[in-house]
């Protein structure tokens, strides 16, 4: 079991899977690990799913960067979310999502 799968088990026990990983809104999707995301944070789940599918590579997104590895991806994706308690950096996740979608379109990473 990976570190994030263990975190998911704790999350599931404490909160269930019917609310977003970062806020209390209803789940609209789950990422490849199983973390729930609401409509406002769905891009985070998509980025996390892509990272897992591609073994969490390093991504250099010009203004932003995600270091390689599961933990680095989790920190980048989870803590860039804007919530009531955190300003976050949603532009980071939208940039990451656009970048990985572009990679997919070009057939560079599928």
N, C-alpha and C. Protein backbone atom coordinates (compact mmCIF):
# COMPACT_ATOMS: atom_id res chain seq x y z
N UNK A 1 0.86 -1.18 0.00
CA UNK A 1 0.00 0.00 0.00
C UNK A 1 0.91 1.24 0.00
N UNK A 2 0.62 2.19 -0.91
CA UNK A 2 1.42 3.42 -0.97
C UNK A 2 1.03 4.36 0.17
N UNK A 3 1.87 5.36 0.35
CA UNK A 3 1.61 6.37 1.39
C UNK A 3 0.25 7.04 1.17
N UNK A 4 -0.06 7.37 -0.08
CA UNK A 4 -1.34 8.04 -0.35
C UNK A 4 -2.53 7.11 -0.18
N UNK A 5 -2.36 5.86 -0.45
CA UNK A 5 -3.46 4.91 -0.21
C UNK A 5 -3.74 4.81 1.29
N UNK A 6 -2.70 4.91 2.11
CA UNK A 6 -2.89 4.94 3.56
C UNK A 6 -3.59 6.21 4.00
N UNK A 7 -3.21 7.35 3.40
CA UNK A 7 -3.87 8.62 3.69
C UNK A 7 -5.34 8.53 3.31
N UNK A 8 -5.63 7.92 2.16
CA UNK A 8 -7.01 7.75 1.72
C UNK A 8 -7.81 6.94 2.72
N UNK A 9 -7.24 5.87 3.23
CA UNK A 9 -7.94 5.05 4.23
C UNK A 9 -8.29 5.87 5.46
N UNK A 10 -7.36 6.70 5.93
CA UNK A 10 -7.62 7.57 7.07
C UNK A 10 -8.71 8.58 6.74
N UNK A 11 -8.63 9.16 5.54
CA UNK A 11 -9.62 10.14 5.09
C UNK A 11 -11.00 9.50 5.03
N UNK A 12 -11.06 8.30 4.46
CA UNK A 12 -12.33 7.59 4.32
C UNK A 12 -12.94 7.33 5.70
N UNK A 13 -12.12 6.92 6.64
CA UNK A 13 -12.60 6.63 7.99
C UNK A 13 -13.10 7.90 8.67
N UNK A 14 -12.36 9.00 8.51
CA UNK A 14 -12.70 10.23 9.21
C UNK A 14 -13.83 11.02 8.54
N UNK A 15 -13.82 11.08 7.21
CA UNK A 15 -14.77 11.95 6.51
C UNK A 15 -15.71 11.23 5.57
N UNK A 16 -15.40 10.03 5.16
CA UNK A 16 -16.17 9.36 4.13
C UNK A 16 -15.70 9.84 2.77
N UNK A 17 -16.34 9.35 1.73
CA UNK A 17 -15.92 9.73 0.38
C UNK A 17 -16.99 10.52 -0.36
N UNK A 18 -17.93 11.10 0.38
CA UNK A 18 -19.00 11.86 -0.26
C UNK A 18 -18.77 13.36 -0.21
N UNK A 19 -17.61 13.78 0.30
CA UNK A 19 -17.29 15.21 0.29
C UNK A 19 -15.88 15.41 -0.24
N UNK A 20 -15.65 16.58 -0.80
CA UNK A 20 -14.38 16.91 -1.43
C UNK A 20 -13.21 16.76 -0.46
N UNK A 21 -12.08 16.39 -1.00
CA UNK A 21 -10.85 16.23 -0.25
C UNK A 21 -10.43 17.53 0.45
N UNK A 22 -10.75 18.68 -0.13
CA UNK A 22 -10.29 19.95 0.43
C UNK A 22 -11.38 20.86 0.97
N UNK A 23 -12.62 20.54 0.71
CA UNK A 23 -13.71 21.36 1.24
C UNK A 23 -14.89 20.45 1.57
N UNK A 24 -15.98 20.98 1.93
CA UNK A 24 -17.11 20.15 2.36
C UNK A 24 -18.18 19.97 1.29
N UNK A 25 -17.87 20.33 0.06
CA UNK A 25 -18.85 20.21 -1.02
C UNK A 25 -18.98 18.76 -1.47
N UNK A 26 -20.12 18.42 -2.08
CA UNK A 26 -20.34 17.04 -2.54
C UNK A 26 -19.34 16.61 -3.62
N UNK A 27 -19.01 15.35 -3.61
CA UNK A 27 -18.09 14.75 -4.57
C UNK A 27 -18.73 14.66 -5.95
N UNK A 28 -17.98 15.06 -6.98
CA UNK A 28 -18.42 14.85 -8.37
C UNK A 28 -17.51 13.88 -9.10
N UNK A 29 -16.30 13.65 -8.56
CA UNK A 29 -15.38 12.68 -9.17
C UNK A 29 -14.37 12.22 -8.13
N UNK A 30 -13.80 11.07 -8.40
CA UNK A 30 -12.71 10.56 -7.57
C UNK A 30 -11.49 10.39 -8.47
N UNK A 31 -10.32 10.72 -7.93
CA UNK A 31 -9.11 10.56 -8.73
C UNK A 31 -8.70 9.09 -8.78
N UNK A 32 -7.61 8.81 -9.45
CA UNK A 32 -7.16 7.43 -9.66
C UNK A 32 -6.80 6.71 -8.36
N UNK A 33 -6.54 7.45 -7.32
CA UNK A 33 -6.23 6.85 -6.02
C UNK A 33 -7.51 6.57 -5.27
N UNK A 34 -8.52 7.44 -5.48
CA UNK A 34 -9.80 7.29 -4.80
C UNK A 34 -10.22 8.50 -4.00
N UNK A 35 -9.39 9.56 -4.00
CA UNK A 35 -9.75 10.77 -3.28
C UNK A 35 -10.91 11.48 -3.98
N UNK A 36 -11.90 11.94 -3.21
CA UNK A 36 -13.06 12.63 -3.78
C UNK A 36 -12.79 14.12 -4.01
N UNK A 37 -13.36 14.66 -5.09
CA UNK A 37 -13.20 16.07 -5.44
C UNK A 37 -14.55 16.64 -5.85
N UNK A 38 -14.82 17.88 -5.48
CA UNK A 38 -16.06 18.56 -5.87
C UNK A 38 -15.89 19.22 -7.23
N UNK A 39 -16.94 19.84 -7.72
CA UNK A 39 -16.88 20.50 -9.03
C UNK A 39 -15.87 21.64 -9.04
N UNK A 40 -15.71 22.35 -7.92
CA UNK A 40 -14.76 23.46 -7.86
C UNK A 40 -13.31 22.98 -7.84
N UNK A 41 -13.08 21.77 -7.42
CA UNK A 41 -11.71 21.25 -7.28
C UNK A 41 -11.45 20.03 -8.17
N UNK A 42 -12.31 19.78 -9.12
CA UNK A 42 -12.18 18.62 -9.99
C UNK A 42 -10.85 18.61 -10.75
N UNK A 43 -10.36 19.79 -11.13
CA UNK A 43 -9.09 19.86 -11.86
C UNK A 43 -7.94 19.27 -11.02
N UNK A 44 -8.02 19.39 -9.72
CA UNK A 44 -6.99 18.82 -8.84
C UNK A 44 -6.99 17.29 -8.96
N UNK A 45 -8.17 16.71 -8.96
CA UNK A 45 -8.29 15.27 -9.10
C UNK A 45 -7.79 14.77 -10.45
N UNK A 46 -8.08 15.53 -11.49
CA UNK A 46 -7.62 15.13 -12.82
C UNK A 46 -6.09 15.17 -12.91
N UNK A 47 -5.49 16.20 -12.32
CA UNK A 47 -4.03 16.29 -12.33
C UNK A 47 -3.43 15.15 -11.52
N UNK A 48 -4.01 14.86 -10.36
CA UNK A 48 -3.51 13.77 -9.52
C UNK A 48 -3.62 12.44 -10.24
N UNK A 49 -4.73 12.22 -10.93
CA UNK A 49 -4.91 10.97 -11.68
C UNK A 49 -3.86 10.82 -12.77
N UNK A 50 -3.60 11.90 -13.48
CA UNK A 50 -2.59 11.86 -14.55
C UNK A 50 -1.22 11.56 -13.94
N UNK A 51 -0.92 12.19 -12.83
CA UNK A 51 0.36 11.95 -12.17
C UNK A 51 0.54 10.48 -11.81
N UNK A 52 -0.50 9.90 -11.24
CA UNK A 52 -0.40 8.49 -10.86
C UNK A 52 -0.22 7.61 -12.09
N UNK A 53 -1.01 7.88 -13.13
CA UNK A 53 -0.93 7.09 -14.36
C UNK A 53 0.48 7.12 -14.96
N UNK A 54 1.18 8.23 -14.77
CA UNK A 54 2.50 8.40 -15.37
C UNK A 54 3.63 8.32 -14.34
N UNK A 55 3.33 7.70 -13.21
CA UNK A 55 4.33 7.45 -12.17
C UNK A 55 4.93 8.74 -11.60
N UNK A 56 4.11 9.75 -11.46
CA UNK A 56 4.48 11.01 -10.79
C UNK A 56 5.80 11.60 -11.29
N UNK A 57 5.84 11.97 -12.58
CA UNK A 57 7.08 12.54 -13.11
C UNK A 57 7.26 14.00 -12.68
N UNK A 58 8.44 14.52 -12.87
CA UNK A 58 8.66 15.95 -12.65
C UNK A 58 8.00 16.70 -13.80
N UNK A 59 7.30 17.78 -13.47
CA UNK A 59 6.70 18.63 -14.50
C UNK A 59 7.22 20.05 -14.32
N UNK A 60 7.72 20.62 -15.39
CA UNK A 60 8.17 22.00 -15.38
C UNK A 60 7.16 22.81 -16.18
N UNK A 61 6.39 23.61 -15.49
CA UNK A 61 5.28 24.34 -16.10
C UNK A 61 5.56 25.83 -16.20
N UNK A 62 6.79 26.18 -16.50
CA UNK A 62 7.21 27.57 -16.64
C UNK A 62 7.20 28.27 -15.29
N UNK A 63 6.09 28.84 -14.88
CA UNK A 63 6.01 29.53 -13.59
C UNK A 63 5.89 28.55 -12.43
N UNK A 64 5.47 27.35 -12.70
CA UNK A 64 5.21 26.35 -11.66
C UNK A 64 6.04 25.11 -11.92
N UNK A 65 6.19 24.31 -10.89
CA UNK A 65 6.91 23.05 -11.04
C UNK A 65 6.36 22.05 -10.04
N UNK A 66 6.26 20.80 -10.49
CA UNK A 66 5.92 19.70 -9.59
C UNK A 66 7.11 18.76 -9.62
N UNK A 67 7.72 18.53 -8.48
CA UNK A 67 8.84 17.59 -8.39
C UNK A 67 8.32 16.17 -8.57
N UNK A 68 9.21 15.29 -8.96
CA UNK A 68 8.80 13.90 -9.15
C UNK A 68 8.50 13.25 -7.80
N UNK A 69 7.65 12.25 -7.84
CA UNK A 69 7.33 11.47 -6.66
C UNK A 69 5.92 11.71 -6.15
N UNK A 70 5.37 10.67 -5.58
CA UNK A 70 4.00 10.69 -5.07
C UNK A 70 3.78 11.80 -4.05
N UNK A 71 4.69 11.94 -3.11
CA UNK A 71 4.52 12.95 -2.06
C UNK A 71 4.53 14.37 -2.63
N UNK A 72 5.44 14.65 -3.55
CA UNK A 72 5.51 15.98 -4.17
C UNK A 72 4.23 16.32 -4.91
N UNK A 73 3.70 15.34 -5.63
CA UNK A 73 2.46 15.56 -6.36
C UNK A 73 1.31 15.83 -5.39
N UNK A 74 1.23 15.06 -4.33
CA UNK A 74 0.16 15.23 -3.35
C UNK A 74 0.21 16.64 -2.75
N UNK A 75 1.37 17.07 -2.35
CA UNK A 75 1.51 18.40 -1.75
C UNK A 75 1.10 19.48 -2.76
N UNK A 76 1.59 19.36 -3.99
CA UNK A 76 1.26 20.36 -5.01
C UNK A 76 -0.24 20.40 -5.30
N UNK A 77 -0.83 19.23 -5.48
CA UNK A 77 -2.25 19.16 -5.86
C UNK A 77 -3.16 19.51 -4.69
N UNK A 78 -2.91 18.94 -3.56
CA UNK A 78 -3.80 19.14 -2.39
C UNK A 78 -3.73 20.56 -1.85
N UNK A 79 -2.53 21.07 -1.72
CA UNK A 79 -2.38 22.35 -1.02
C UNK A 79 -2.41 23.57 -1.93
N UNK A 80 -2.62 23.37 -3.22
CA UNK A 80 -2.83 24.51 -4.10
C UNK A 80 -4.31 24.85 -4.21
N UNK A 81 -5.16 24.05 -3.58
CA UNK A 81 -6.61 24.25 -3.66
C UNK A 81 -7.04 25.48 -2.86
N UNK A 82 -7.89 26.25 -3.47
CA UNK A 82 -8.47 27.40 -2.78
C UNK A 82 -9.67 26.93 -1.97
N UNK A 83 -9.67 27.27 -0.69
CA UNK A 83 -10.76 26.90 0.20
C UNK A 83 -11.11 28.11 1.07
N UNK A 84 -12.05 27.91 1.98
CA UNK A 84 -12.41 28.97 2.92
C UNK A 84 -11.21 29.35 3.79
N UNK A 85 -10.36 28.38 4.06
CA UNK A 85 -9.23 28.59 4.97
C UNK A 85 -7.91 28.88 4.27
N UNK A 86 -7.84 28.63 2.98
CA UNK A 86 -6.58 28.79 2.25
C UNK A 86 -6.82 29.50 0.93
N UNK A 87 -5.99 30.48 0.64
CA UNK A 87 -6.10 31.18 -0.63
C UNK A 87 -5.75 30.25 -1.79
N UNK A 88 -4.80 29.33 -1.55
CA UNK A 88 -4.42 28.37 -2.59
C UNK A 88 -3.86 29.06 -3.82
N UNK A 89 -3.73 28.31 -4.88
CA UNK A 89 -3.26 28.85 -6.16
C UNK A 89 -3.91 28.03 -7.27
N UNK A 90 -5.15 28.33 -7.52
CA UNK A 90 -5.90 27.58 -8.53
C UNK A 90 -5.29 27.72 -9.92
N UNK A 91 -4.61 28.84 -10.19
CA UNK A 91 -3.96 29.00 -11.49
C UNK A 91 -2.93 27.90 -11.71
N UNK A 92 -2.29 27.47 -10.63
CA UNK A 92 -1.31 26.38 -10.70
C UNK A 92 -1.97 25.12 -11.25
N UNK A 93 -3.11 24.73 -10.69
CA UNK A 93 -3.76 23.49 -11.13
C UNK A 93 -4.35 23.62 -12.53
N UNK A 94 -4.89 24.80 -12.87
CA UNK A 94 -5.41 24.98 -14.22
C UNK A 94 -4.28 24.92 -15.24
N UNK A 95 -3.11 25.48 -14.89
CA UNK A 95 -1.94 25.42 -15.76
C UNK A 95 -1.47 23.98 -15.91
N UNK A 96 -1.40 23.26 -14.80
CA UNK A 96 -0.98 21.85 -14.85
C UNK A 96 -1.94 21.02 -15.69
N UNK A 97 -3.24 21.23 -15.52
CA UNK A 97 -4.23 20.48 -16.29
C UNK A 97 -4.10 20.78 -17.78
N UNK A 98 -3.97 22.05 -18.13
CA UNK A 98 -3.81 22.41 -19.55
C UNK A 98 -2.55 21.78 -20.13
N UNK A 99 -1.49 21.79 -19.36
CA UNK A 99 -0.21 21.22 -19.82
C UNK A 99 -0.33 19.72 -20.07
N UNK A 100 -0.90 18.99 -19.13
CA UNK A 100 -0.99 17.54 -19.31
C UNK A 100 -1.99 17.17 -20.40
N UNK A 101 -3.06 17.96 -20.55
CA UNK A 101 -3.99 17.72 -21.65
C UNK A 101 -3.30 17.95 -22.99
N UNK A 102 -2.43 18.95 -23.06
CA UNK A 102 -1.67 19.22 -24.27
C UNK A 102 -0.71 18.07 -24.57
N UNK A 103 -0.05 17.54 -23.54
CA UNK A 103 0.81 16.38 -23.73
C UNK A 103 0.04 15.20 -24.30
N UNK A 104 -1.18 14.99 -23.77
CA UNK A 104 -2.03 13.90 -24.25
C UNK A 104 -2.41 14.11 -25.72
N UNK A 105 -2.82 15.35 -26.06
CA UNK A 105 -3.20 15.66 -27.45
C UNK A 105 -2.06 15.41 -28.42
N UNK A 106 -0.86 15.74 -27.98
CA UNK A 106 0.31 15.56 -28.84
C UNK A 106 0.80 14.11 -28.87
N UNK A 107 0.22 13.28 -28.03
CA UNK A 107 0.63 11.89 -27.97
C UNK A 107 1.95 11.68 -27.25
N UNK A 108 2.40 12.70 -26.54
CA UNK A 108 3.66 12.60 -25.81
C UNK A 108 3.50 11.74 -24.58
N UNK A 109 2.36 11.84 -23.93
CA UNK A 109 2.11 11.05 -22.72
C UNK A 109 0.66 10.58 -22.77
N UNK A 110 0.50 9.31 -23.02
CA UNK A 110 -0.87 8.79 -23.08
C UNK A 110 -1.02 7.56 -22.23
